[in-house]
Structures are given as structure tokens and as C-alpha cells.
Amino acid sequence: MTAKNNLTAEPLAPAAYIKPMLLGAGIALLLIIAFLSGVDHPDPAWPKYWMARPLIIVPLAGAAGGAFFALLRPLRRRGGWVMAFAYVLSLVIFVVALWMGTVLGLDGTLWN
């Protein structure tokens, strides 16, 4: 009788990361644009291009959340409560990544 190796992970092609990362970055970009569009009179002490930092960092954090979503694909394929747990964990990680990116991007300006 031959032992079966169940510990091998299914390979995840780099293309499988692209869609979730782009979707995560797009959601993050839309949220930070909506947040920054409410600033009518920025503080004169802020740098001239103060909006560039959050517009770069927050979508990167959203893309990291999307990459984590793609990383959990094998768990989502199992079905049942494991699939539900993977979706909830992905959502929580995405929200935390988005929050941390927002704090890091707006540090020293709107988040002081």
C-alpha cells in the first residue's frame, strides 16, 4: 500500500493573483478618492503634493488584501464551513489592510 501525500499545495499561477489584486486596489483607490475629495481647504503646513502619498499607499494595501484573497483560494474550494471561514477571513484581512494603508497614507495630514 502506498502512502498518499495530502500535504502538497496546488500551484497558484501568478495570473491568479492579478484579478483579485486589481479589484482590491480599485476598491481602495475609489474609497481614498472619495475620502480625499471632501478636503476643500488643506492645511498650509502640509506638503504641496500631500495627496500623492495616500493615492499610492492605500491602493497598494488594497492590492495586498486582494493577494491574500487569492492565497486563500484552496480553502474556498473545499466548501462548507471552511469556505465560509475563508471568505470571512479574507474580508477581515482586506478591511484591516485597507485601514492600515489609510492610516499610513494619511499620517501627518488628515490622520494626525
PDB file of N, CA and C in Angstrom:
ATOM      1  N   MET A   1       0.840  -1.170   0.000  1.00  0.00           N
ATOM      2  CA  MET A   1       0.000   0.000   0.000  1.00  0.00           C
ATOM      3  C   MET A   1       0.890   1.241   0.000  1.00  0.00           C
ATOM      4  N   THR A   2       0.571   2.188  -0.830  1.00  0.00           N
ATOM      5  CA  THR A   2       1.370   3.393  -0.971  1.00  0.00           C
ATOM      6  C   THR A   2       0.728   4.532  -0.194  1.00  0.00           C
ATOM      7  N   ALA A   3       1.551   5.277   0.513  1.00  0.00           N
ATOM      8  CA  ALA A   3       1.043   6.424   1.265  1.00  0.00           C
ATOM      9  C   ALA A   3       0.746   7.569   0.301  1.00  0.00           C
ATOM     10  N   LYS A   4      -0.365   8.220   0.540  1.00  0.00           N
ATOM     11  CA  LYS A   4      -0.764   9.331  -0.306  1.00  0.00           C
ATOM     12  C   LYS A   4      -0.381  10.642   0.383  1.00  0.00           C
ATOM     13  N   ASN A   5       0.264  11.508  -0.334  1.00  0.00           N
ATOM     14  CA  ASN A   5       0.706  12.786   0.223  1.00  0.00           C
ATOM     15  C   ASN A   5      -0.384  13.833   0.011  1.00  0.00           C
ATOM     16  N   ASN A   6      -1.094  14.177   1.094  1.00  0.00           N
ATOM     17  CA  ASN A   6      -2.171  15.164   1.017  1.00  0.00           C
ATOM     18  C   ASN A   6      -1.686  16.569   1.369  1.00  0.00           C
ATOM     19  N   LEU A   7      -0.418  16.710   1.637  1.00  0.00           N
ATOM     20  CA  LEU A   7       0.099  17.996   2.078  1.00  0.00           C
ATOM     21  C   LEU A   7       0.607  18.878   0.947  1.00  0.00           C
ATOM     22  N   THR A   8       0.538  18.412  -0.255  1.00  0.00           N
ATOM     23  CA  THR A   8       1.017  19.232  -1.363  1.00  0.00           C
ATOM     24  C   THR A   8      -0.001  20.313  -1.681  1.00  0.00           C
ATOM     25  N   ALA A   9       0.484  21.485  -1.848  1.00  0.00           N
ATOM     26  CA  ALA A   9      -0.386  22.614  -2.180  1.00  0.00           C
ATOM     27  C   ALA A   9      -0.536  22.694  -3.694  1.00  0.00           C
ATOM     28  N   GLU A  10      -1.737  23.032  -4.118  1.00  0.00           N
ATOM     29  CA  GLU A  10      -1.936  23.186  -5.551  1.00  0.00           C
ATOM     30  C   GLU A  10      -1.232  24.457  -6.006  1.00  0.00           C
ATOM     31  N   PRO A  11      -0.564  24.405  -7.122  1.00  0.00           N
ATOM     32  CA  PRO A  11       0.176  25.587  -7.574  1.00  0.00           C
ATOM     33  C   PRO A  11      -0.792  26.700  -7.958  1.00  0.00           C
ATOM     34  N   LEU A  12      -0.418  27.896  -7.581  1.00  0.00           N
ATOM     35  CA  LEU A  12      -1.228  29.070  -7.893  1.00  0.00           C
ATOM     36  C   LEU A  12      -0.419  29.926  -8.859  1.00  0.00           C
ATOM     37  N   ALA A  13      -0.912  30.031 -10.055  1.00  0.00           N
ATOM     38  CA  ALA A  13      -0.201  30.777 -11.096  1.00  0.00           C
ATOM     39  C   ALA A  13      -0.223  32.266 -10.768  1.00  0.00           C
ATOM     40  N   PRO A  14       0.795  32.993 -11.168  1.00  0.00           N
ATOM     41  CA  PRO A  14       0.804  34.441 -10.924  1.00  0.00           C
ATOM     42  C   PRO A  14      -0.408  35.153 -11.522  1.00  0.00           C
ATOM     43  N   ALA A  15      -0.954  34.622 -12.602  1.00  0.00           N
ATOM     44  CA  ALA A  15      -2.131  35.244 -13.208  1.00  0.00           C
ATOM     45  C   ALA A  15      -3.351  35.148 -12.302  1.00  0.00           C
ATOM     46  N   ALA A  16      -3.370  34.164 -11.403  1.00  0.00           N
ATOM     47  CA  ALA A  16      -4.494  34.023 -10.480  1.00  0.00           C
ATOM     48  C   ALA A  16      -4.506  35.136  -9.436  1.00  0.00           C
ATOM     49  N   TYR A  17      -3.374  35.797  -9.240  1.00  0.00           N
ATOM     50  CA  TYR A  17      -3.297  36.900  -8.292  1.00  0.00           C
ATOM     51  C   TYR A  17      -3.724  38.226  -8.913  1.00  0.00           C
ATOM     52  N   ILE A  18      -3.634  38.348 -10.216  1.00  0.00           N
ATOM     53  CA  ILE A  18      -3.815  39.647 -10.861  1.00  0.00           C
ATOM     54  C   ILE A  18      -5.219  40.194 -10.670  1.00  0.00           C
ATOM     55  N   LYS A  19      -6.247  39.402 -10.946  1.00  0.00           N
ATOM     56  CA  LYS A  19      -7.621  39.900 -10.824  1.00  0.00           C
ATOM     57  C   LYS A  19      -7.972  40.316  -9.398  1.00  0.00           C
ATOM     58  N   PRO A  20      -7.731  39.479  -8.372  1.00  0.00           N
ATOM     59  CA  PRO A  20      -8.056  39.920  -7.015  1.00  0.00           C
ATOM     60  C   PRO A  20      -7.250  41.141  -6.568  1.00  0.00           C
ATOM     61  N   MET A  21      -5.987  41.205  -6.997  1.00  0.00           N
ATOM     62  CA  MET A  21      -5.173  42.360  -6.603  1.00  0.00           C
ATOM     63  C   MET A  21      -5.664  43.636  -7.277  1.00  0.00           C
ATOM     64  N   LEU A  22      -6.014  43.551  -8.562  1.00  0.00           N
ATOM     65  CA  LEU A  22      -6.541  44.728  -9.252  1.00  0.00           C
ATOM     66  C   LEU A  22      -7.886  45.155  -8.676  1.00  0.00           C
ATOM     67  N   LEU A  23      -8.722  44.194  -8.330  1.00  0.00           N
ATOM     68  CA  LEU A  23     -10.011  44.520  -7.730  1.00  0.00           C
ATOM     69  C   LEU A  23      -9.824  45.166  -6.364  1.00  0.00           C
ATOM     70  N   GLY A  24      -8.928  44.617  -5.548  1.00  0.00           N
ATOM     71  CA  GLY A  24      -8.651  45.204  -4.235  1.00  0.00           C
ATOM     72  C   GLY A  24      -8.066  46.599  -4.343  1.00  0.00           C
ATOM     73  N   ALA A  25      -7.143  46.781  -5.279  1.00  0.00           N
ATOM     74  CA  ALA A  25      -6.546  48.112  -5.477  1.00  0.00           C
ATOM     75  C   ALA A  25      -7.579  49.097  -6.004  1.00  0.00           C
ATOM     76  N   GLY A  26      -8.469  48.642  -6.882  1.00  0.00           N
ATOM     77  CA  GLY A  26      -9.511  49.516  -7.414  1.00  0.00           C
ATOM     78  C   GLY A  26     -10.489  49.959  -6.347  1.00  0.00           C
ATOM     79  N   ILE A  27     -10.908  49.035  -5.485  1.00  0.00           N
ATOM     80  CA  ILE A  27     -11.812  49.388  -4.384  1.00  0.00           C
ATOM     81  C   ILE A  27     -11.134  50.384  -3.454  1.00  0.00           C
ATOM     82  N   ALA A  28      -9.875  50.120  -3.121  1.00  0.00           N
ATOM     83  CA  ALA A  28      -9.140  51.022  -2.228  1.00  0.00           C
ATOM     84  C   ALA A  28      -8.965  52.400  -2.862  1.00  0.00           C
ATOM     85  N   LEU A  29      -8.676  52.428  -4.148  1.00  0.00           N
ATOM     86  CA  LEU A  29      -8.495  53.714  -4.833  1.00  0.00           C
ATOM     87  C   LEU A  29      -9.792  54.513  -4.838  1.00  0.00           C
ATOM     88  N   LEU A  30     -10.903  53.862  -5.110  1.00  0.00           N
ATOM     89  CA  LEU A  30     -12.191  54.567  -5.099  1.00  0.00           C
ATOM     90  C   LEU A  30     -12.525  55.107  -3.710  1.00  0.00           C
ATOM     91  N   LEU A  31     -12.240  54.316  -2.682  1.00  0.00           N
ATOM     92  CA  LEU A  31     -12.526  54.773  -1.318  1.00  0.00           C
ATOM     93  C   LEU A  31     -11.649  55.954  -0.914  1.00  0.00           C
ATOM     94  N   ILE A  32     -10.358  55.915  -1.250  1.00  0.00           N
ATOM     95  CA  ILE A  32      -9.489  57.022  -0.853  1.00  0.00           C
ATOM     96  C   ILE A  32      -9.778  58.269  -1.679  1.00  0.00           C
ATOM     97  N   ILE A  33     -10.180  58.102  -2.943  1.00  0.00           N
ATOM     98  CA  ILE A  33     -10.558  59.273  -3.747  1.00  0.00           C
ATOM     99  C   ILE A  33     -11.810  59.914  -3.163  1.00  0.00           C
ATOM    100  N   ALA A  34     -12.778  59.094  -2.764  1.00  0.00           N
ATOM    101  CA  ALA A  34     -13.990  59.635  -2.146  1.00  0.00           C
ATOM    102  C   ALA A  34     -13.663  60.348  -0.841  1.00  0.00           C
ATOM    103  N   PHE A  35     -12.728  59.798  -0.083  1.00  0.00           N
ATOM    104  CA  PHE A  35     -12.342  60.409   1.189  1.00  0.00           C
ATOM    105  C   PHE A  35     -11.578  61.713   0.972  1.00  0.00           C
ATOM    106  N   LEU A  36     -10.667  61.733   0.011  1.00  0.00           N
ATOM    107  CA  LEU A  36      -9.857  62.930  -0.235  1.00  0.00           C
ATOM    108  C   LEU A  36     -10.624  64.030  -0.943  1.00  0.00           C
ATOM    109  N   SER A  37     -11.678  63.680  -1.661  1.00  0.00           N
ATOM    110  CA  SER A  37     -12.435  64.710  -2.380  1.00  0.00           C
ATOM    111  C   SER A  37     -13.202  65.622  -1.430  1.00  0.00           C
ATOM    112  N   GLY A  38     -13.350  65.222  -0.184  1.00  0.00           N
ATOM    113  CA  GLY A  38     -14.036  66.062   0.799  1.00  0.00           C
ATOM    114  C   GLY A  38     -13.151  67.128   1.418  1.00  0.00           C
ATOM    115  N   VAL A  39     -11.873  67.157   1.066  1.00  0.00           N
ATOM    116  CA  VAL A  39     -10.949  68.152   1.622  1.00  0.00           C
ATOM    117  C   VAL A  39     -10.978  69.386   0.727  1.00  0.00           C
ATOM    118  N   ASP A  40     -11.616  70.450   1.228  1.00  0.00           N
ATOM    119  CA  ASP A  40     -11.713  71.682   0.454  1.00  0.00           C
ATOM    120  C   ASP A  40     -10.516  72.608   0.678  1.00  0.00           C
ATOM    121  N   HIS A  41     -10.114  72.730   1.927  1.00  0.00           N
ATOM    122  CA  HIS A  41      -9.027  73.653   2.265  1.00  0.00           C
ATOM    123  C   HIS A  41      -7.977  72.894   3.081  1.00  0.00           C
ATOM    124  N   PRO A  42      -6.960  72.343   2.421  1.00  0.00           N
ATOM    125  CA  PRO A  42      -5.929  71.615   3.169  1.00  0.00           C
ATOM    126  C   PRO A  42      -5.089  72.571   4.018  1.00  0.00           C
ATOM    127  N   ASP A  43      -4.501  72.013   5.041  1.00  0.00           N
ATOM    128  CA  ASP A  43      -3.648  72.787   5.937  1.00  0.00           C
ATOM    129  C   ASP A  43      -2.431  73.295   5.159  1.00  0.00           C
ATOM    130  N   PRO A  44      -2.104  74.566   5.274  1.00  0.00           N
ATOM    131  CA  PRO A  44      -0.937  75.093   4.547  1.00  0.00           C
ATOM    132  C   PRO A  44       0.393  74.476   4.996  1.00  0.00           C
ATOM    133  N   ALA A  45       0.426  73.850   6.169  1.00  0.00           N
ATOM    134  CA  ALA A  45       1.658  73.232   6.657  1.00  0.00           C
ATOM    135  C   ALA A  45       1.945  71.903   5.965  1.00  0.00           C
ATOM    136  N   TRP A  46       0.951  71.347   5.290  1.00  0.00           N
ATOM    137  CA  TRP A  46       1.150  70.076   4.582  1.00  0.00           C
ATOM    138  C   TRP A  46       1.973  70.319   3.325  1.00  0.00           C
ATOM    139  N   PRO A  47       2.676  69.300   2.861  1.00  0.00           N
ATOM    140  CA  PRO A  47       3.452  69.452   1.623  1.00  0.00           C
ATOM    141  C   PRO A  47       2.548  69.763   0.427  1.00  0.00           C
ATOM    142  N   LYS A  48       3.157  70.254  -0.635  1.00  0.00           N
ATOM    143  CA  LYS A  48       2.398  70.675  -1.812  1.00  0.00           C
ATOM    144  C   LYS A  48       1.625  69.506  -2.437  1.00  0.00           C
ATOM    145  N   TYR A  49       2.262  68.359  -2.562  1.00  0.00           N
ATOM    146  CA  TYR A  49       1.622  67.195  -3.163  1.00  0.00           C
ATOM    147  C   TYR A  49       1.253  66.171  -2.086  1.00  0.00           C
ATOM    148  N   TRP A  50       0.529  66.586  -1.077  1.00  0.00           N
ATOM    149  CA  TRP A  50       0.202  65.729   0.048  1.00  0.00           C
ATOM    150  C   TRP A  50      -0.751  64.597  -0.347  1.00  0.00           C
ATOM    151  N   MET A  51      -1.494  64.757  -1.422  1.00  0.00           N
ATOM    152  CA  MET A  51      -2.442  63.718  -1.829  1.00  0.00           C
ATOM    153  C   MET A  51      -1.759  62.539  -2.519  1.00  0.00           C
ATOM    154  N   ALA A  52      -0.538  62.690  -2.968  1.00  0.00           N
ATOM    155  CA  ALA A  52       0.148  61.614  -3.696  1.00  0.00           C
ATOM    156  C   ALA A  52       0.401  60.408  -2.803  1.00  0.00           C
ATOM    157  N   ARG A  53       0.787  60.650  -1.572  1.00  0.00           N
ATOM    158  CA  ARG A  53       1.105  59.542  -0.669  1.00  0.00           C
ATOM    159  C   ARG A  53      -0.102  58.632  -0.421  1.00  0.00           C
ATOM    160  N   PRO A  54      -1.271  59.152  -0.025  1.00  0.00           N
ATOM    161  CA  PRO A  54      -2.403  58.227   0.162  1.00  0.00           C
ATOM    162  C   PRO A  54      -2.885  57.599  -1.141  1.00  0.00           C
ATOM    163  N   LEU A  55      -2.752  58.309  -2.256  1.00  0.00           N
ATOM    164  CA  LEU A  55      -3.193  57.750  -3.528  1.00  0.00           C
ATOM    165  C   LEU A  55      -2.291  56.625  -4.031  1.00  0.00           C
ATOM    166  N   ILE A  56      -1.111  56.499  -3.451  1.00  0.00           N
ATOM    167  CA  ILE A  56      -0.203  55.409  -3.803  1.00  0.00           C
ATOM    168  C   ILE A  56      -0.286  54.286  -2.774  1.00  0.00           C
ATOM    169  N   ILE A  57      -0.237  54.635  -1.495  1.00  0.00           N
ATOM    170  CA  ILE A  57      -0.140  53.631  -0.436  1.00  0.00           C
ATOM    171  C   ILE A  57      -1.443  52.865  -0.234  1.00  0.00           C
ATOM    172  N   VAL A  58      -2.572  53.539  -0.266  1.00  0.00           N
ATOM    173  CA  VAL A  58      -3.848  52.861   0.001  1.00  0.00           C
ATOM    174  C   VAL A  58      -4.175  51.817  -1.079  1.00  0.00           C
ATOM    175  N   PRO A  59      -4.016  52.114  -2.377  1.00  0.00           N
ATOM    176  CA  PRO A  59      -4.232  51.041  -3.354  1.00  0.00           C
ATOM    177  C   PRO A  59      -3.238  49.884  -3.224  1.00  0.00           C
ATOM    178  N   LEU A  60      -2.015  50.161  -2.808  1.00  0.00           N
ATOM    179  CA  LEU A  60      -1.061  49.070  -2.571  1.00  0.00           C
ATOM    180  C   LEU A  60      -1.538  48.171  -1.430  1.00  0.00           C
ATOM    181  N   ALA A  61      -2.096  48.779  -0.389  1.00  0.00           N
ATOM    182  CA  ALA A  61      -2.642  47.988   0.710  1.00  0.00           C
ATOM    183  C   ALA A  61      -3.861  47.192   0.247  1.00  0.00           C
ATOM    184  N   GLY A  62      -4.692  47.785  -0.597  1.00  0.00           N
ATOM    185  CA  GLY A  62      -5.830  47.055  -1.156  1.00  0.00           C
ATOM    186  C   GLY A  62      -5.385  45.895  -2.025  1.00  0.00           C
ATOM    187  N   ALA A  63      -4.318  46.089  -2.781  1.00  0.00           N
ATOM    188  CA  ALA A  63      -3.779  45.004  -3.601  1.00  0.00           C
ATOM    189  C   ALA A  63      -3.229  43.881  -2.721  1.00  0.00           C
ATOM    190  N   ALA A  64      -2.635  44.227  -1.586  1.00  0.00           N
ATOM    191  CA  ALA A  64      -2.155  43.201  -0.657  1.00  0.00           C
ATOM    192  C   ALA A  64      -3.329  42.403  -0.090  1.00  0.00           C
ATOM    193  N   GLY A  65      -4.426  43.078   0.215  1.00  0.00           N
ATOM    194  CA  GLY A  65      -5.623  42.371   0.664  1.00  0.00           C
ATOM    195  C   GLY A  65      -6.175  41.464  -0.419  1.00  0.00           C
ATOM    196  N   GLY A  66      -6.135  41.907  -1.666  1.00  0.00           N
ATOM    197  CA  GLY A  66      -6.567  41.072  -2.779  1.00  0.00           C
ATOM    198  C   GLY A  66      -5.662  39.874  -2.983  1.00  0.00           C
ATOM    199  N   ALA A  67      -4.370  40.051  -2.753  1.00  0.00           N
ATOM    200  CA  ALA A  67      -3.430  38.930  -2.865  1.00  0.00           C
ATOM    201  C   ALA A  67      -3.707  37.892  -1.786  1.00  0.00           C
ATOM    202  N   PHE A  68      -4.065  38.348  -0.600  1.00  0.00           N
ATOM    203  CA  PHE A  68      -4.411  37.412   0.465  1.00  0.00           C
ATOM    204  C   PHE A  68      -5.676  36.632   0.103  1.00  0.00           C
ATOM    205  N   PHE A  69      -6.622  37.306  -0.536  1.00  0.00           N
ATOM    206  CA  PHE A  69      -7.833  36.635  -1.005  1.00  0.00           C
ATOM    207  C   PHE A  69      -7.476  35.531  -1.993  1.00  0.00           C
ATOM    208  N   ALA A  70      -6.574  35.814  -2.913  1.00  0.00           N
ATOM    209  CA  ALA A  70      -6.147  34.805  -3.887  1.00  0.00           C
ATOM    210  C   ALA A  70      -5.377  33.678  -3.206  1.00  0.00           C
ATOM    211  N   LEU A  71      -4.654  34.001  -2.164  1.00  0.00           N
ATOM    212  CA  LEU A  71      -3.882  32.996  -1.446  1.00  0.00           C
ATOM    213  C   LEU A  71      -4.784  31.978  -0.748  1.00  0.00           C
ATOM    214  N   LEU A  72      -5.972  32.395  -0.353  1.00  0.00           N
ATOM    215  CA  LEU A  72      -6.903  31.501   0.334  1.00  0.00           C
ATOM    216  C   LEU A  72      -7.804  30.725  -0.625  1.00  0.00           C
ATOM    217  N   ARG A  73      -7.518  30.744  -1.887  1.00  0.00           N
ATOM    218  CA  ARG A  73      -8.343  30.045  -2.878  1.00  0.00           C
ATOM    219  C   ARG A  73      -8.494  28.546  -2.589  1.00  0.00           C
ATOM    220  N   PRO A  74      -7.436  27.846  -2.184  1.00  0.00           N
ATOM    221  CA  PRO A  74      -7.629  26.415  -1.881  1.00  0.00           C
ATOM    222  C   PRO A  74      -8.627  26.171  -0.744  1.00  0.00           C
ATOM    223  N   LEU A  75      -8.667  27.050   0.231  1.00  0.00           N
ATOM    224  CA  LEU A  75      -9.632  26.887   1.321  1.00  0.00           C
ATOM    225  C   LEU A  75     -11.053  27.157   0.848  1.00  0.00           C
ATOM    226  N   ARG A  76     -11.203  28.122  -0.057  1.00  0.00           N
ATOM    227  CA  ARG A  76     -12.547  28.440  -0.548  1.00  0.00           C
ATOM    228  C   ARG A  76     -13.100  27.333  -1.436  1.00  0.00           C
ATOM    229  N   ARG A  77     -12.260  26.516  -1.997  1.00  0.00           N
ATOM    230  CA  ARG A  77     -12.711  25.440  -2.882  1.00  0.00           C
ATOM    231  C   ARG A  77     -13.183  24.213  -2.103  1.00  0.00           C
ATOM    232  N   ARG A  78     -12.895  24.133  -0.822  1.00  0.00           N
ATOM    233  CA  ARG A  78     -13.271  22.966  -0.023  1.00  0.00           C
ATOM    234  C   ARG A  78     -14.776  22.885   0.213  1.00  0.00           C
ATOM    235  N   GLY A  79     -15.429  24.022   0.330  1.00  0.00           N
ATOM    236  CA  GLY A  79     -16.863  24.028   0.572  1.00  0.00           C
ATOM    237  C   GLY A  79     -17.189  23.959   2.055  1.00  0.00           C
ATOM    238  N   GLY A  80     -18.459  24.101   2.360  1.00  0.00           N
ATOM    239  CA  GLY A  80     -18.920  24.004   3.744  1.00  0.00           C
ATOM    240  C   GLY A  80     -18.464  25.173   4.595  1.00  0.00           C
ATOM    241  N   TRP A  81     -18.244  24.867   5.879  1.00  0.00           N
ATOM    242  CA  TRP A  81     -17.877  25.920   6.816  1.00  0.00           C
ATOM    243  C   TRP A  81     -16.461  26.432   6.558  1.00  0.00           C
ATOM    244  N   VAL A  82     -15.606  25.626   5.968  1.00  0.00           N
ATOM    245  CA  VAL A  82     -14.241  26.069   5.652  1.00  0.00           C
ATOM    246  C   VAL A  82     -14.291  27.176   4.603  1.00  0.00           C
ATOM    247  N   MET A  83     -15.167  27.025   3.622  1.00  0.00           N
ATOM    248  CA  MET A  83     -15.316  28.050   2.596  1.00  0.00           C
ATOM    249  C   MET A  83     -15.844  29.347   3.211  1.00  0.00           C
ATOM    250  N   ALA A  84     -16.850  29.228   4.082  1.00  0.00           N
ATOM    251  CA  ALA A  84     -17.402  30.414   4.740  1.00  0.00           C
ATOM    252  C   ALA A  84     -16.343  31.093   5.599  1.00  0.00           C
ATOM    253  N   PHE A  85     -15.551  30.291   6.319  1.00  0.00           N
ATOM    254  CA  PHE A  85     -14.475  30.843   7.140  1.00  0.00           C
ATOM    255  C   PHE A  85     -13.439  31.556   6.280  1.00  0.00           C
ATOM    256  N   ALA A  86     -13.110  30.997   5.135  1.00  0.00           N
ATOM    257  CA  ALA A  86     -12.119  31.607   4.248  1.00  0.00           C
ATOM    258  C   ALA A  86     -12.619  32.941   3.710  1.00  0.00           C
ATOM    259  N   TYR A  87     -13.892  33.017   3.347  1.00  0.00           N
ATOM    260  CA  TYR A  87     -14.443  34.288   2.870  1.00  0.00           C
ATOM    261  C   TYR A  87     -14.460  35.342   3.979  1.00  0.00           C
ATOM    262  N   VAL A  88     -14.870  34.942   5.177  1.00  0.00           N
ATOM    263  CA  VAL A  88     -14.899  35.897   6.297  1.00  0.00           C
ATOM    264  C   VAL A  88     -13.486  36.349   6.640  1.00  0.00           C
ATOM    265  N   LEU A  89     -12.548  35.421   6.681  1.00  0.00           N
ATOM    266  CA  LEU A  89     -11.157  35.775   6.972  1.00  0.00           C
ATOM    267  C   LEU A  89     -10.591  36.696   5.897  1.00  0.00           C
ATOM    268  N   SER A  90     -10.910  36.437   4.646  1.00  0.00           N
ATOM    269  CA  SER A  90     -10.447  37.291   3.556  1.00  0.00           C
ATOM    270  C   SER A  90     -11.001  38.705   3.699  1.00  0.00           C
ATOM    271  N   LEU A  91     -12.278  38.810   4.040  1.00  0.00           N
ATOM    272  CA  LEU A  91     -12.891  40.128   4.216  1.00  0.00           C
ATOM    273  C   LEU A  91     -12.268  40.878   5.387  1.00  0.00           C
ATOM    274  N   VAL A  92     -12.054  40.185   6.492  1.00  0.00           N
ATOM    275  CA  VAL A  92     -11.447  40.828   7.666  1.00  0.00           C
ATOM    276  C   VAL A  92     -10.030  41.293   7.344  1.00  0.00           C
ATOM    277  N   ILE A  93      -9.238  40.455   6.687  1.00  0.00           N
ATOM    278  CA  ILE A  93      -7.870  40.830   6.334  1.00  0.00           C
ATOM    279  C   ILE A  93      -7.865  41.997   5.350  1.00  0.00           C
ATOM    280  N   PHE A  94      -8.799  42.001   4.392  1.00  0.00           N
ATOM    281  CA  PHE A  94      -8.872  43.103   3.435  1.00  0.00           C
ATOM    282  C   PHE A  94      -9.199  44.409   4.147  1.00  0.00           C
ATOM    283  N   VAL A  95     -10.155  44.383   5.073  1.00  0.00           N
ATOM    284  CA  VAL A  95     -10.534  45.601   5.803  1.00  0.00           C
ATOM    285  C   VAL A  95      -9.373  46.076   6.670  1.00  0.00           C
ATOM    286  N   VAL A  96      -8.676  45.171   7.331  1.00  0.00           N
ATOM    287  CA  VAL A  96      -7.523  45.555   8.157  1.00  0.00           C
ATOM    288  C   VAL A  96      -6.412  46.128   7.291  1.00  0.00           C
ATOM    289  N   ALA A  97      -6.135  45.513   6.152  1.00  0.00           N
ATOM    290  CA  ALA A  97      -5.105  46.027   5.244  1.00  0.00           C
ATOM    291  C   ALA A  97      -5.494  47.408   4.726  1.00  0.00           C
ATOM    292  N   LEU A  98      -6.755  47.574   4.385  1.00  0.00           N
ATOM    293  CA  LEU A  98      -7.232  48.877   3.909  1.00  0.00           C
ATOM    294  C   LEU A  98      -7.125  49.928   5.002  1.00  0.00           C
ATOM    295  N   TRP A  99      -7.474  49.574   6.220  1.00  0.00           N
ATOM    296  CA  TRP A  99      -7.389  50.512   7.337  1.00  0.00           C
ATOM    297  C   TRP A  99      -5.929  50.893   7.622  1.00  0.00           C
ATOM    298  N   MET A 100      -5.046  49.890   7.632  1.00  0.00           N
ATOM    299  CA  MET A 100      -3.633  50.182   7.886  1.00  0.00           C
ATOM    300  C   MET A 100      -3.029  51.028   6.764  1.00  0.00           C
ATOM    301  N   GLY A 101      -3.406  50.758   5.523  1.00  0.00           N
ATOM    302  CA  GLY A 101      -2.929  51.568   4.411  1.00  0.00           C
ATOM    303  C   GLY A 101      -3.436  52.997   4.481  1.00  0.00           C
ATOM    304  N   THR A 102      -4.679  53.157   4.920  1.00  0.00           N
ATOM    305  CA  THR A 102      -5.243  54.501   5.064  1.00  0.00           C
ATOM    306  C   THR A 102      -4.525  55.273   6.164  1.00  0.00           C
ATOM    307  N   VAL A 103      -4.281  54.621   7.280  1.00  0.00           N
ATOM    308  CA  VAL A 103      -3.560  55.280   8.375  1.00  0.00           C
ATOM    309  C   VAL A 103      -2.147  55.659   7.935  1.00  0.00           C
ATOM    310  N   LEU A 104      -1.465  54.747   7.262  1.00  0.00           N
ATOM    311  CA  LEU A 104      -0.106  55.023   6.803  1.00  0.00           C
ATOM    312  C   LEU A 104      -0.090  56.104   5.726  1.00  0.00           C
ATOM    313  N   GLY A 105      -1.063  56.084   4.836  1.00  0.00           N
ATOM    314  CA  GLY A 105      -1.104  57.065   3.754  1.00  0.00           C
ATOM    315  C   GLY A 105      -1.465  58.464   4.227  1.00  0.00           C
ATOM    316  N   LEU A 106      -2.347  58.546   5.221  1.00  0.00           N
ATOM    317  CA  LEU A 106      -2.806  59.858   5.681  1.00  0.00           C
ATOM    318  C   LEU A 106      -2.060  60.358   6.914  1.00  0.00           C
ATOM    319  N   ASP A 107      -1.066  59.616   7.375  1.00  0.00           N
ATOM    320  CA  ASP A 107      -0.300  60.015   8.551  1.00  0.00           C
ATOM    321  C   ASP A 107       0.397  61.350   8.306  1.00  0.00           C
ATOM    322  N   GLY A 108       0.202  62.272   9.226  1.00  0.00           N
ATOM    323  CA  GLY A 108       0.815  63.591   9.111  1.00  0.00           C
ATOM    324  C   GLY A 108      -0.058  64.601   8.393  1.00  0.00           C
ATOM    325  N   THR A 109      -1.139  64.171   7.783  1.00  0.00           N
ATOM    326  CA  THR A 109      -2.055  65.104   7.117  1.00  0.00           C
ATOM    327  C   THR A 109      -3.433  64.984   7.763  1.00  0.00           C
ATOM    328  N   LEU A 110      -4.316  64.243   7.166  1.00  0.00           N
ATOM    329  CA  LEU A 110      -5.670  64.107   7.719  1.00  0.00           C
ATOM    330  C   LEU A 110      -5.714  63.200   8.928  1.00  0.00           C
ATOM    331  N   TRP A 111      -4.768  62.257   9.036  1.00  0.00           N
ATOM    332  CA  TRP A 111      -4.741  61.338  10.162  1.00  0.00           C
ATOM    333  C   TRP A 111      -3.594  61.764  11.066  1.00  0.00           C
ATOM    334  N   ASN A 112      -3.872  62.685  11.970  1.00  0.00           N
ATOM    335  CA  ASN A 112      -2.805  63.209  12.808  1.00  0.00           C
ATOM    336  C   ASN A 112      -3.162  63.036  14.257  1.00  0.00           C
TER     337      ASN A 112
END
